[in-house]
Structure formats: C-alpha cells, structure tokens
PDB file of N, CA and C in Angstrom:
ATOM      1  N   MET A   1      -6.359   0.505  -9.914  1.00  0.00           N
ATOM      2  CA  MET A   1      -7.228  -0.428  -9.176  1.00  0.00           C
ATOM      3  C   MET A   1      -8.694  -0.024  -9.484  1.00  0.00           C
ATOM      4  N   GLU A   2      -9.512  -1.002  -9.691  1.00  0.00           N
ATOM      5  CA  GLU A   2     -10.931  -0.802  -9.920  1.00  0.00           C
ATOM      6  C   GLU A   2     -11.670  -0.760  -8.577  1.00  0.00           C
ATOM      7  N   ARG A   3     -12.793  -0.082  -8.552  1.00  0.00           N
ATOM      8  CA  ARG A   3     -13.578   0.010  -7.315  1.00  0.00           C
ATOM      9  C   ARG A   3     -13.965  -1.376  -6.800  1.00  0.00           C
ATOM     10  N   GLU A   4     -14.262  -2.335  -7.669  1.00  0.00           N
ATOM     11  CA  GLU A   4     -14.605  -3.684  -7.250  1.00  0.00           C
ATOM     12  C   GLU A   4     -13.449  -4.340  -6.509  1.00  0.00           C
ATOM     13  N   GLU A   5     -12.220  -4.051  -6.912  1.00  0.00           N
ATOM     14  CA  GLU A   5     -11.069  -4.585  -6.218  1.00  0.00           C
ATOM     15  C   GLU A   5     -10.927  -3.959  -4.831  1.00  0.00           C
ATOM     16  N   VAL A   6     -11.261  -2.693  -4.670  1.00  0.00           N
ATOM     17  CA  VAL A   6     -11.289  -2.067  -3.357  1.00  0.00           C
ATOM     18  C   VAL A   6     -12.304  -2.803  -2.485  1.00  0.00           C
ATOM     19  N   PHE A   7     -13.481  -3.037  -3.021  1.00  0.00           N
ATOM     20  CA  PHE A   7     -14.534  -3.698  -2.250  1.00  0.00           C
ATOM     21  C   PHE A   7     -14.173  -5.118  -1.854  1.00  0.00           C
ATOM     22  N   GLU A   8     -13.486  -5.829  -2.762  1.00  0.00           N
ATOM     23  CA  GLU A   8     -13.029  -7.188  -2.435  1.00  0.00           C
ATOM     24  C   GLU A   8     -11.992  -7.117  -1.295  1.00  0.00           C
ATOM     25  N   TYR A   9     -11.051  -6.196  -1.378  1.00  0.00           N
ATOM     26  CA  TYR A   9     -10.045  -6.054  -0.366  1.00  0.00           C
ATOM     27  C   TYR A   9     -10.630  -5.786   1.004  1.00  0.00           C
ATOM     28  N   VAL A  10     -11.532  -4.806   1.115  1.00  0.00           N
ATOM     29  CA  VAL A  10     -12.093  -4.434   2.448  1.00  0.00           C
ATOM     30  C   VAL A  10     -13.022  -5.532   2.949  1.00  0.00           C
ATOM     31  N   ASP A  11     -13.644  -6.252   2.051  1.00  0.00           N
ATOM     32  CA  ASP A  11     -14.503  -7.378   2.494  1.00  0.00           C
ATOM     33  C   ASP A  11     -13.655  -8.472   3.065  1.00  0.00           C
ATOM     34  N   GLN A  12     -12.593  -8.827   2.402  1.00  0.00           N
ATOM     35  CA  GLN A  12     -11.703  -9.917   2.875  1.00  0.00           C
ATOM     36  C   GLN A  12     -10.971  -9.522   4.156  1.00  0.00           C
ATOM     37  N   LYS A  13     -10.481  -8.274   4.229  1.00  0.00           N
ATOM     38  CA  LYS A  13      -9.672  -7.881   5.369  1.00  0.00           C
ATOM     39  C   LYS A  13     -10.480  -7.410   6.583  1.00  0.00           C
ATOM     40  N   TYR A  14     -11.575  -6.701   6.303  1.00  0.00           N
ATOM     41  CA  TYR A  14     -12.334  -6.056   7.397  1.00  0.00           C
ATOM     42  C   TYR A  14     -13.805  -6.458   7.445  1.00  0.00           C
ATOM     43  N   GLN A  15     -14.227  -7.366   6.562  1.00  0.00           N
ATOM     44  CA  GLN A  15     -15.607  -7.787   6.477  1.00  0.00           C
ATOM     45  C   GLN A  15     -16.566  -6.569   6.292  1.00  0.00           C
ATOM     46  N   THR A  16     -16.096  -5.622   5.472  1.00  0.00           N
ATOM     47  CA  THR A  16     -16.891  -4.423   5.146  1.00  0.00           C
ATOM     48  C   THR A  16     -17.516  -4.581   3.803  1.00  0.00           C
ATOM     49  N   LYS A  17     -18.779  -4.253   3.737  1.00  0.00           N
ATOM     50  CA  LYS A  17     -19.534  -4.190   2.494  1.00  0.00           C
ATOM     51  C   LYS A  17     -19.833  -2.719   2.180  1.00  0.00           C
ATOM     52  N   PRO A  18     -19.721  -2.314   0.918  1.00  0.00           N
ATOM     53  CA  PRO A  18     -20.016  -0.897   0.616  1.00  0.00           C
ATOM     54  C   PRO A  18     -21.502  -0.626   0.871  1.00  0.00           C
ATOM     55  N   GLU A  19     -21.719   0.611   1.355  1.00  0.00           N
ATOM     56  CA  GLU A  19     -23.075   1.058   1.591  1.00  0.00           C
ATOM     57  C   GLU A  19     -23.386   2.212   0.663  1.00  0.00           C
ATOM     58  N   TYR A  20     -24.509   2.122  -0.013  1.00  0.00           N
ATOM     59  CA  TYR A  20     -24.930   3.153  -0.971  1.00  0.00           C
ATOM     60  C   TYR A  20     -26.017   3.957  -0.323  1.00  0.00           C
ATOM     61  N   LEU A  21     -25.690   5.153   0.113  1.00  0.00           N
ATOM     62  CA  LEU A  21     -26.591   5.958   0.953  1.00  0.00           C
ATOM     63  C   LEU A  21     -27.408   7.015   0.201  1.00  0.00           C
ATOM     64  N   TRP A  22     -26.978   7.338  -1.011  1.00  0.00           N
ATOM     65  CA  TRP A  22     -27.616   8.464  -1.674  1.00  0.00           C
ATOM     66  C   TRP A  22     -28.232   8.028  -3.039  1.00  0.00           C
ATOM     67  N   ARG A  23     -29.492   8.220  -3.190  1.00  0.00           N
ATOM     68  CA  ARG A  23     -30.179   7.924  -4.435  1.00  0.00           C
ATOM     69  C   ARG A  23     -29.664   8.798  -5.545  1.00  0.00           C
ATOM     70  N   LYS A  24     -29.344  10.054  -5.242  1.00  0.00           N
ATOM     71  CA  LYS A  24     -28.843  10.966  -6.238  1.00  0.00           C
ATOM     72  C   LYS A  24     -27.470  10.593  -6.770  1.00  0.00           C
ATOM     73  N   TYR A  25     -26.704   9.863  -5.967  1.00  0.00           N
ATOM     74  CA  TYR A  25     -25.362   9.435  -6.331  1.00  0.00           C
ATOM     75  C   TYR A  25     -25.226   7.933  -6.184  1.00  0.00           C
ATOM     76  N   PRO A  26     -25.789   7.183  -7.112  1.00  0.00           N
ATOM     77  CA  PRO A  26     -25.830   5.698  -6.952  1.00  0.00           C
ATOM     78  C   PRO A  26     -24.477   4.992  -6.952  1.00  0.00           C
ATOM     79  N   LYS A  27     -23.424   5.672  -7.414  1.00  0.00           N
ATOM     80  CA  LYS A  27     -22.098   5.043  -7.391  1.00  0.00           C
ATOM     81  C   LYS A  27     -21.234   5.476  -6.225  1.00  0.00           C
ATOM     82  N   TYR A  28     -21.762   6.343  -5.372  1.00  0.00           N
ATOM     83  CA  TYR A  28     -21.039   6.733  -4.163  1.00  0.00           C
ATOM     84  C   TYR A  28     -21.261   5.684  -3.083  1.00  0.00           C
ATOM     85  N   SER A  29     -20.186   5.097  -2.582  1.00  0.00           N
ATOM     86  CA  SER A  29     -20.337   4.062  -1.598  1.00  0.00           C
ATOM     87  C   SER A  29     -19.404   4.353  -0.371  1.00  0.00           C
ATOM     88  N   VAL A  30     -20.005   4.179   0.815  1.00  0.00           N
ATOM     89  CA  VAL A  30     -19.349   4.405   2.057  1.00  0.00           C
ATOM     90  C   VAL A  30     -18.785   3.074   2.606  1.00  0.00           C
ATOM     91  N   LEU A  31     -17.573   3.134   3.107  1.00  0.00           N
ATOM     92  CA  LEU A  31     -16.965   2.020   3.828  1.00  0.00           C
ATOM     93  C   LEU A  31     -16.835   2.430   5.279  1.00  0.00           C
ATOM     94  N   ARG A  32     -17.422   1.627   6.159  1.00  0.00           N
ATOM     95  CA  ARG A  32     -17.396   2.005   7.582  1.00  0.00           C
ATOM     96  C   ARG A  32     -17.178   0.823   8.474  1.00  0.00           C
ATOM     97  N   HIS A  33     -16.729   1.140   9.676  1.00  0.00           N
ATOM     98  CA  HIS A  33     -16.552   0.117  10.702  1.00  0.00           C
ATOM     99  C   HIS A  33     -17.891  -0.424  11.128  1.00  0.00           C
ATOM    100  N   GLN A  34     -17.932  -1.715  11.370  1.00  0.00           N
ATOM    101  CA  GLN A  34     -19.188  -2.356  11.805  1.00  0.00           C
ATOM    102  C   GLN A  34     -19.484  -2.000  13.236  1.00  0.00           C
ATOM    103  N   ASP A  35     -18.478  -1.809  14.072  1.00  0.00           N
ATOM    104  CA  ASP A  35     -18.761  -1.579  15.529  1.00  0.00           C
ATOM    105  C   ASP A  35     -19.060  -0.133  15.828  1.00  0.00           C
ATOM    106  N   ASN A  36     -18.229   0.817  15.381  1.00  0.00           N
ATOM    107  CA  ASN A  36     -18.476   2.229  15.748  1.00  0.00           C
ATOM    108  C   ASN A  36     -19.128   3.054  14.639  1.00  0.00           C
ATOM    109  N   ARG A  37     -19.346   2.403  13.483  1.00  0.00           N
ATOM    110  CA  ARG A  37     -20.051   3.019  12.341  1.00  0.00           C
ATOM    111  C   ARG A  37     -19.325   4.193  11.718  1.00  0.00           C
ATOM    112  N   LYS A  38     -18.099   4.457  12.128  1.00  0.00           N
ATOM    113  CA  LYS A  38     -17.295   5.542  11.550  1.00  0.00           C
ATOM    114  C   LYS A  38     -16.871   5.179  10.126  1.00  0.00           C
ATOM    115  N   TRP A  39     -16.881   6.183   9.268  1.00  0.00           N
ATOM    116  CA  TRP A  39     -16.436   6.026   7.894  1.00  0.00           C
ATOM    117  C   TRP A  39     -14.886   5.903   7.874  1.00  0.00           C
ATOM    118  N   TYR A  40     -14.377   4.995   7.058  1.00  0.00           N
ATOM    119  CA  TYR A  40     -12.942   5.014   6.787  1.00  0.00           C
ATOM    120  C   TYR A  40     -12.669   5.141   5.304  1.00  0.00           C
ATOM    121  N   GLY A  41     -13.710   5.145   4.514  1.00  0.00           N
ATOM    122  CA  GLY A  41     -13.546   5.320   3.075  1.00  0.00           C
ATOM    123  C   GLY A  41     -14.835   5.748   2.384  1.00  0.00           C
ATOM    124  N   LEU A  42     -14.683   6.462   1.324  1.00  0.00           N
ATOM    125  CA  LEU A  42     -15.810   6.868   0.496  1.00  0.00           C
ATOM    126  C   LEU A  42     -15.338   6.726  -0.970  1.00  0.00           C
ATOM    127  N   VAL A  43     -15.975   5.829  -1.709  1.00  0.00           N
ATOM    128  CA  VAL A  43     -15.620   5.607  -3.115  1.00  0.00           C
ATOM    129  C   VAL A  43     -16.651   6.317  -3.975  1.00  0.00           C
ATOM    130  N   MET A  44     -16.163   7.152  -4.906  1.00  0.00           N
ATOM    131  CA  MET A  44     -17.053   7.938  -5.759  1.00  0.00           C
ATOM    132  C   MET A  44     -16.563   7.958  -7.187  1.00  0.00           C
ATOM    133  N   ASP A  45     -17.490   8.250  -8.077  1.00  0.00           N
ATOM    134  CA  ASP A  45     -17.111   8.563  -9.467  1.00  0.00           C
ATOM    135  C   ASP A  45     -17.289  10.045  -9.619  1.00  0.00           C
ATOM    136  N   VAL A  46     -16.222  10.747  -9.975  1.00  0.00           N
ATOM    137  CA  VAL A  46     -16.260  12.197 -10.083  1.00  0.00           C
ATOM    138  C   VAL A  46     -15.605  12.648 -11.389  1.00  0.00           C
ATOM    139  N   LYS A  47     -15.903  13.867 -11.747  1.00  0.00           N
ATOM    140  CA  LYS A  47     -15.262  14.484 -12.912  1.00  0.00           C
ATOM    141  C   LYS A  47     -13.871  14.952 -12.456  1.00  0.00           C
ATOM    142  N   PRO A  48     -12.837  14.625 -13.209  1.00  0.00           N
ATOM    143  CA  PRO A  48     -11.488  15.057 -12.787  1.00  0.00           C
ATOM    144  C   PRO A  48     -11.382  16.568 -12.537  1.00  0.00           C
ATOM    145  N   GLU A  49     -12.119  17.360 -13.319  1.00  0.00           N
ATOM    146  CA  GLU A  49     -12.023  18.822 -13.079  1.00  0.00           C
ATOM    147  C   GLU A  49     -12.483  19.210 -11.686  1.00  0.00           C
ATOM    148  N   ASN A  50     -13.376  18.383 -11.054  1.00  0.00           N
ATOM    149  CA  ASN A  50     -13.780  18.648  -9.683  1.00  0.00           C
ATOM    150  C   ASN A  50     -12.643  18.465  -8.686  1.00  0.00           C
ATOM    151  N   LEU A  51     -11.583  17.755  -9.137  1.00  0.00           N
ATOM    152  CA  LEU A  51     -10.398  17.512  -8.325  1.00  0.00           C
ATOM    153  C   LEU A  51      -9.289  18.488  -8.681  1.00  0.00           C
ATOM    154  N   GLY A  52      -9.547  19.377  -9.625  1.00  0.00           N
ATOM    155  CA  GLY A  52      -8.508  20.305 -10.062  1.00  0.00           C
ATOM    156  C   GLY A  52      -7.619  19.714 -11.133  1.00  0.00           C
ATOM    157  N   VAL A  53      -8.058  18.639 -11.799  1.00  0.00           N
ATOM    158  CA  VAL A  53      -7.276  17.945 -12.814  1.00  0.00           C
ATOM    159  C   VAL A  53      -7.883  18.260 -14.184  1.00  0.00           C
ATOM    160  N   ASP A  54      -7.062  18.632 -15.126  1.00  0.00           N
ATOM    161  CA  ASP A  54      -7.533  19.014 -16.453  1.00  0.00           C
ATOM    162  C   ASP A  54      -7.669  17.767 -17.355  1.00  0.00           C
ATOM    163  N   GLU A  55      -8.736  17.015 -17.085  1.00  0.00           N
ATOM    164  CA  GLU A  55      -9.078  15.806 -17.858  1.00  0.00           C
ATOM    165  C   GLU A  55     -10.577  15.753 -18.014  1.00  0.00           C
ATOM    166  N   LYS A  56     -11.019  14.980 -18.968  1.00  0.00           N
ATOM    167  CA  LYS A  56     -12.462  14.846 -19.238  1.00  0.00           C
ATOM    168  C   LYS A  56     -12.971  13.515 -18.729  1.00  0.00           C
ATOM    169  N   GLY A  57     -14.288  13.366 -18.727  1.00  0.00           N
ATOM    170  CA  GLY A  57     -14.933  12.109 -18.317  1.00  0.00           C
ATOM    171  C   GLY A  57     -15.162  12.049 -16.821  1.00  0.00           C
ATOM    172  N   THR A  58     -15.205  10.808 -16.329  1.00  0.00           N
ATOM    173  CA  THR A  58     -15.332  10.592 -14.867  1.00  0.00           C
ATOM    174  C   THR A  58     -14.280   9.520 -14.488  1.00  0.00           C
ATOM    175  N   GLU A  59     -13.965   9.524 -13.211  1.00  0.00           N
ATOM    176  CA  GLU A  59     -13.043   8.499 -12.737  1.00  0.00           C
ATOM    177  C   GLU A  59     -13.401   8.142 -11.290  1.00  0.00           C
ATOM    178  N   ASP A  60     -12.990   6.964 -10.868  1.00  0.00           N
ATOM    179  CA  ASP A  60     -13.224   6.532  -9.477  1.00  0.00           C
ATOM    180  C   ASP A  60     -12.137   7.089  -8.585  1.00  0.00           C
ATOM    181  N   VAL A  61     -12.569   7.657  -7.453  1.00  0.00           N
ATOM    182  CA  VAL A  61     -11.626   8.107  -6.435  1.00  0.00           C
ATOM    183  C   VAL A  61     -12.111   7.544  -5.105  1.00  0.00           C
ATOM    184  N   MET A  62     -11.182   7.492  -4.169  1.00  0.00           N
ATOM    185  CA  MET A  62     -11.576   7.072  -2.825  1.00  0.00           C
ATOM    186  C   MET A  62     -11.019   8.067  -1.798  1.00  0.00           C
ATOM    187  N   ASP A  63     -11.914   8.628  -0.998  1.00  0.00           N
ATOM    188  CA  ASP A  63     -11.495   9.489   0.103  1.00  0.00           C
ATOM    189  C   ASP A  63     -11.208   8.602   1.296  1.00  0.00           C
ATOM    190  N   ILE A  64     -10.089   8.897   1.970  1.00  0.00           N
ATOM    191  CA  ILE A  64      -9.661   8.164   3.169  1.00  0.00           C
ATOM    192  C   ILE A  64      -9.218   9.181   4.222  1.00  0.00           C
ATOM    193  N   LYS A  65      -9.390   8.792   5.476  1.00  0.00           N
ATOM    194  CA  LYS A  65      -9.034   9.668   6.577  1.00  0.00           C
ATOM    195  C   LYS A  65      -7.669   9.261   7.119  1.00  0.00           C
ATOM    196  N   LEU A  66      -6.816  10.267   7.311  1.00  0.00           N
ATOM    197  CA  LEU A  66      -5.465  10.054   7.801  1.00  0.00           C
ATOM    198  C   LEU A  66      -5.113  11.162   8.812  1.00  0.00           C
ATOM    199  N   LYS A  67      -3.977  11.010   9.458  1.00  0.00           N
ATOM    200  CA  LYS A  67      -3.450  12.030  10.321  1.00  0.00           C
ATOM    201  C   LYS A  67      -2.975  13.206   9.461  1.00  0.00           C
ATOM    202  N   PRO A  68      -3.155  14.432   9.920  1.00  0.00           N
ATOM    203  CA  PRO A  68      -2.771  15.616   9.107  1.00  0.00           C
ATOM    204  C   PRO A  68      -1.316  15.546   8.641  1.00  0.00           C
ATOM    205  N   GLU A  69      -0.401  15.048   9.502  1.00  0.00           N
ATOM    206  CA  GLU A  69       1.002  14.982   9.069  1.00  0.00           C
ATOM    207  C   GLU A  69       1.228  13.998   7.943  1.00  0.00           C
ATOM    208  N   GLN A  70       0.433  12.946   7.911  1.00  0.00           N
ATOM    209  CA  GLN A  70       0.509  11.995   6.783  1.00  0.00           C
ATOM    210  C   GLN A  70      -0.003  12.650   5.485  1.00  0.00           C
ATOM    211  N   ILE A  71      -1.065  13.422   5.649  1.00  0.00           N
ATOM    212  CA  ILE A  71      -1.652  14.069   4.466  1.00  0.00           C
ATOM    213  C   ILE A  71      -0.657  15.063   3.871  1.00  0.00           C
ATOM    214  N   ASP A  72       0.031  15.816   4.696  1.00  0.00           N
ATOM    215  CA  ASP A  72       1.028  16.787   4.209  1.00  0.00           C
ATOM    216  C   ASP A  72       2.066  16.115   3.310  1.00  0.00           C
ATOM    217  N   VAL A  73       2.525  14.938   3.725  1.00  0.00           N
ATOM    218  CA  VAL A  73       3.540  14.209   2.938  1.00  0.00           C
ATOM    219  C   VAL A  73       2.937  13.630   1.659  1.00  0.00           C
ATOM    220  N   LEU A  74       1.744  13.025   1.791  1.00  0.00           N
ATOM    221  CA  LEU A  74       1.166  12.315   0.647  1.00  0.00           C
ATOM    222  C   LEU A  74       0.721  13.230  -0.483  1.00  0.00           C
ATOM    223  N   GLN A  75       0.376  14.460  -0.184  1.00  0.00           N
ATOM    224  CA  GLN A  75      -0.172  15.297  -1.239  1.00  0.00           C
ATOM    225  C   GLN A  75       0.846  15.666  -2.283  1.00  0.00           C
ATOM    226  N   ASP A  76       2.113  15.385  -2.049  1.00  0.00           N
ATOM    227  CA  ASP A  76       3.151  15.608  -3.025  1.00  0.00           C
ATOM    228  C   ASP A  76       3.257  14.421  -4.010  1.00  0.00           C
ATOM    229  N   GLU A  77       2.552  13.324  -3.690  1.00  0.00           N
ATOM    230  CA  GLU A  77       2.640  12.151  -4.581  1.00  0.00           C
ATOM    231  C   GLU A  77       1.580  12.173  -5.666  1.00  0.00           C
ATOM    232  N   ALA A  78       1.935  11.639  -6.815  1.00  0.00           N
ATOM    233  CA  ALA A  78       1.011  11.550  -7.940  1.00  0.00           C
ATOM    234  C   ALA A  78      -0.178  10.704  -7.556  1.00  0.00           C
ATOM    235  N   GLY A  79      -1.354  11.161  -7.910  1.00  0.00           N
ATOM    236  CA  GLY A  79      -2.606  10.406  -7.660  1.00  0.00           C
ATOM    237  C   GLY A  79      -3.212  10.646  -6.313  1.00  0.00           C
ATOM    238  N   ILE A  80      -2.585  11.473  -5.473  1.00  0.00           N
ATOM    239  CA  ILE A  80      -3.127  11.841  -4.136  1.00  0.00           C
ATOM    240  C   ILE A  80      -3.442  13.317  -4.183  1.00  0.00           C
ATOM    241  N   LEU A  81      -4.715  13.661  -3.890  1.00  0.00           N
ATOM    242  CA  LEU A  81      -5.139  15.048  -3.977  1.00  0.00           C
ATOM    243  C   LEU A  81      -5.882  15.450  -2.703  1.00  0.00           C
ATOM    244  N   PRO A  82      -6.064  16.779  -2.508  1.00  0.00           N
ATOM    245  CA  PRO A  82      -6.935  17.205  -1.386  1.00  0.00           C
ATOM    246  C   PRO A  82      -8.289  16.536  -1.550  1.00  0.00           C
ATOM    247  N   ALA A  83      -8.909  16.196  -0.460  1.00  0.00           N
ATOM    248  CA  ALA A  83     -10.155  15.447  -0.476  1.00  0.00           C
ATOM    249  C   ALA A  83     -11.270  16.159  -1.226  1.00  0.00           C
ATOM    250  N   TYR A  84     -11.988  15.386  -2.010  1.00  0.00           N
ATOM    251  CA  TYR A  84     -13.173  15.869  -2.654  1.00  0.00           C
ATOM    252  C   TYR A  84     -14.343  15.679  -1.689  1.00  0.00           C
ATOM    253  N   HIS A  85     -14.982  16.730  -1.338  1.00  0.00           N
ATOM    254  CA  HIS A  85     -16.236  16.669  -0.541  1.00  0.00           C
ATOM    255  C   HIS A  85     -16.021  16.321   0.934  1.00  0.00           C
ATOM    256  N   MET A  86     -14.797  16.390   1.427  1.00  0.00           N
ATOM    257  CA  MET A  86     -14.537  16.091   2.826  1.00  0.00           C
ATOM    258  C   MET A  86     -13.576  17.105   3.399  1.00  0.00           C
ATOM    259  N   ASN A  87     -13.378  17.106   4.699  1.00  0.00           N
ATOM    260  CA  ASN A  87     -12.463  17.984   5.368  1.00  0.00           C
ATOM    261  C   ASN A  87     -11.040  17.720   4.898  1.00  0.00           C
ATOM    262  N   LYS A  88     -10.422  18.678   4.278  1.00  0.00           N
ATOM    263  CA  LYS A  88      -9.112  18.497   3.639  1.00  0.00           C
ATOM    264  C   LYS A  88      -7.974  18.389   4.647  1.00  0.00           C
ATOM    265  N   THR A  89      -8.227  18.743   5.892  1.00  0.00           N
ATOM    266  CA  THR A  89      -7.222  18.580   6.933  1.00  0.00           C
ATOM    267  C   THR A  89      -7.041  17.100   7.295  1.00  0.00           C
ATOM    268  N   HIS A  90      -8.118  16.356   7.219  1.00  0.00           N
ATOM    269  CA  HIS A  90      -8.112  14.968   7.701  1.00  0.00           C
ATOM    270  C   HIS A  90      -8.344  13.900   6.606  1.00  0.00           C
ATOM    271  N   TRP A  91      -8.690  14.350   5.409  1.00  0.00           N
ATOM    272  CA  TRP A  91      -9.024  13.408   4.357  1.00  0.00           C
ATOM    273  C   TRP A  91      -8.257  13.754   3.085  1.00  0.00           C
ATOM    274  N   VAL A  92      -7.949  12.727   2.278  1.00  0.00           N
ATOM    275  CA  VAL A  92      -7.383  12.897   0.951  1.00  0.00           C
ATOM    276  C   VAL A  92      -8.175  12.059  -0.039  1.00  0.00           C
ATOM    277  N   SER A  93      -8.082  12.447  -1.303  1.00  0.00           N
ATOM    278  CA  SER A  93      -8.657  11.664  -2.378  1.00  0.00           C
ATOM    279  C   SER A  93      -7.563  10.877  -3.080  1.00  0.00           C
ATOM    280  N   ILE A  94      -7.813   9.607  -3.298  1.00  0.00           N
ATOM    281  CA  ILE A  94      -6.915   8.749  -4.069  1.00  0.00           C
ATOM    282  C   ILE A  94      -7.519   8.514  -5.423  1.00  0.00           C
ATOM    283  N   ARG A  95      -6.802   8.860  -6.490  1.00  0.00           N
ATOM    284  CA  ARG A  95      -7.240   8.516  -7.831  1.00  0.00           C
ATOM    285  C   ARG A  95      -6.892   7.058  -8.036  1.00  0.00           C
ATOM    286  N   LEU A  96      -7.912   6.197  -8.039  1.00  0.00           N
ATOM    287  CA  LEU A  96      -7.679   4.751  -8.045  1.00  0.00           C
ATOM    288  C   LEU A  96      -6.909   4.250  -9.242  1.00  0.00           C
ATOM    289  N   ASN A  97      -6.994   4.960 -10.364  1.00  0.00           N
ATOM    290  CA  ASN A  97      -6.283   4.518 -11.549  1.00  0.00           C
ATOM    291  C   ASN A  97      -4.878   5.109 -11.654  1.00  0.00           C
ATOM    292  N   LYS A  98      -4.444   5.870 -10.650  1.00  0.00           N
ATOM    293  CA  LYS A  98      -3.129   6.532 -10.692  1.00  0.00           C
ATOM    294  C   LYS A  98      -2.185   6.113  -9.565  1.00  0.00           C
ATOM    295  N   VAL A  99      -2.678   5.288  -8.618  1.00  0.00           N
ATOM    296  CA  VAL A  99      -1.874   4.876  -7.470  1.00  0.00           C
ATOM    297  C   VAL A  99      -1.789   3.339  -7.474  1.00  0.00           C
ATOM    298  N   SER A 100      -0.649   2.810  -7.099  1.00  0.00           N
ATOM    299  CA  SER A 100      -0.465   1.338  -7.124  1.00  0.00           C
ATOM    300  C   SER A 100      -1.432   0.646  -6.139  1.00  0.00           C
ATOM    301  N   ASP A 101      -1.756  -0.580  -6.450  1.00  0.00           N
ATOM    302  CA  ASP A 101      -2.606  -1.387  -5.566  1.00  0.00           C
ATOM    303  C   ASP A 101      -2.007  -1.505  -4.178  1.00  0.00           C
ATOM    304  N   THR A 102      -0.716  -1.727  -4.119  1.00  0.00           N
ATOM    305  CA  THR A 102      -0.038  -1.881  -2.804  1.00  0.00           C
ATOM    306  C   THR A 102      -0.173  -0.631  -1.982  1.00  0.00           C
ATOM    307  N   GLU A 103       0.008   0.538  -2.604  1.00  0.00           N
ATOM    308  CA  GLU A 103      -0.087   1.808  -1.867  1.00  0.00           C
ATOM    309  C   GLU A 103      -1.543   2.041  -1.438  1.00  0.00           C
ATOM    310  N   ILE A 104      -2.479   1.728  -2.318  1.00  0.00           N
ATOM    311  CA  ILE A 104      -3.904   1.872  -1.961  1.00  0.00           C
ATOM    312  C   ILE A 104      -4.238   1.009  -0.754  1.00  0.00           C
ATOM    313  N   HIS A 105      -3.774  -0.218  -0.736  1.00  0.00           N
ATOM    314  CA  HIS A 105      -4.008  -1.128   0.398  1.00  0.00           C
ATOM    315  C   HIS A 105      -3.452  -0.520   1.698  1.00  0.00           C
ATOM    316  N   LYS A 106      -2.205   0.015   1.624  1.00  0.00           N
ATOM    317  CA  LYS A 106      -1.608   0.615   2.805  1.00  0.00           C
ATOM    318  C   LYS A 106      -2.408   1.790   3.303  1.00  0.00           C
ATOM    319  N   LEU A 107      -2.915   2.634   2.361  1.00  0.00           N
ATOM    320  CA  LEU A 107      -3.678   3.802   2.761  1.00  0.00           C
ATOM    321  C   LEU A 107      -5.033   3.415   3.350  1.00  0.00           C
ATOM    322  N   ILE A 108      -5.683   2.383   2.780  1.00  0.00           N
ATOM    323  CA  ILE A 108      -6.941   1.914   3.343  1.00  0.00           C
ATOM    324  C   ILE A 108      -6.695   1.405   4.757  1.00  0.00           C
ATOM    325  N   ASP A 109      -5.636   0.628   4.958  1.00  0.00           N
ATOM    326  CA  ASP A 109      -5.328   0.124   6.285  1.00  0.00           C
ATOM    327  C   ASP A 109      -5.078   1.264   7.278  1.00  0.00           C
ATOM    328  N   ALA A 110      -4.341   2.257   6.841  1.00  0.00           N
ATOM    329  CA  ALA A 110      -4.088   3.411   7.752  1.00  0.00           C
ATOM    330  C   ALA A 110      -5.374   4.162   8.088  1.00  0.00           C
ATOM    331  N   SER A 111      -6.260   4.278   7.134  1.00  0.00           N
ATOM    332  CA  SER A 111      -7.530   4.967   7.374  1.00  0.00           C
ATOM    333  C   SER A 111      -8.383   4.137   8.311  1.00  0.00           C
ATOM    334  N   TYR A 112      -8.364   2.828   8.144  1.00  0.00           N
ATOM    335  CA  TYR A 112      -9.138   1.968   8.987  1.00  0.00           C
ATOM    336  C   TYR A 112      -8.690   2.103  10.469  1.00  0.00           C
ATOM    337  N   LEU A 113      -7.347   2.104  10.648  1.00  0.00           N
ATOM    338  CA  LEU A 113      -6.804   2.244  11.980  1.00  0.00           C
ATOM    339  C   LEU A 113      -7.080   3.639  12.558  1.00  0.00           C
ATOM    340  N   GLU A 114      -6.985   4.661  11.738  1.00  0.00           N
ATOM    341  CA  GLU A 114      -7.193   6.040  12.224  1.00  0.00           C
ATOM    342  C   GLU A 114      -8.655   6.239  12.670  1.00  0.00           C
ATOM    343  N   THR A 115      -9.571   5.549  12.067  1.00  0.00           N
ATOM    344  CA  THR A 115     -11.002   5.733  12.408  1.00  0.00           C
ATOM    345  C   THR A 115     -11.522   4.694  13.396  1.00  0.00           C
ATOM    346  N   LYS A 116     -10.648   3.843  13.858  1.00  0.00           N
ATOM    347  CA  LYS A 116     -11.062   2.757  14.777  1.00  0.00           C
ATOM    348  C   LYS A 116     -11.369   3.278  16.167  1.00  0.00           C
ATOM    349  N   LYS A 117     -10.839   4.389  16.523  1.00  0.00           N
ATOM    350  CA  LYS A 117     -10.948   4.970  17.873  1.00  0.00           C
ATOM    351  C   LYS A 117     -12.363   5.342  18.218  1.00  0.00           C
TER     352      LYS A 117
END
C-alpha cells in the first residue's frame, strides 16, 4: 500500500487529513482524531536499518497504537515491527509495502478505536 492510499482511506472513513508537523521531516505525517486530537497514526519514510531490517534505501511505514496484547500477537507477523520512534508497548510499525491492504485497514481501524477514548 502506498502512503497516498492510506491518506485516501482515512479521509473517506474518518475525515482525517494528514498533518505535517516537522520541517526537518517533511514526509512525516500525523493522523489524529478531530475531536480529542489524539494521534492514531504516524506515516514516515525511514531507512529499513532503523527498523532492524537489513535492506537499503527508504520505505514508508506507519506507526499505529494498539492494546499491548494485540501487539504481542502481531509482532510475529511479517511486516509488523516494534514501533519506530514511539512507545513499543503501545505502538507498532507497519511496513506498508509488506502488509496487505485489508490488514492495514483493520489495523488503522483498531488504532482509531483504541485512541478514541
């Protein structure tokens, strides 16, 4: 899945527009609730080696917030890694080019619900 497809999905389902908060990181975009302003996603371009993956270049990942018990199960799946730049107890990184669109949609939805409180 491409980052633009993530943005289309969250716009259609949750009326969320990506927010670009950091001049130093122009491709880092935050997805947050409109009412409580809590983040439910962070889309970034990172070097795979920063994720503990032995590959070159950069790739798009998305950090999402889930319940710790969900994270324990998911981290055994391909394309799901401990969160880059976030609390690893509550967040995971999804390699957007390694996980199916359907699974990414489910994970975004779960993160949205988890952060709605």
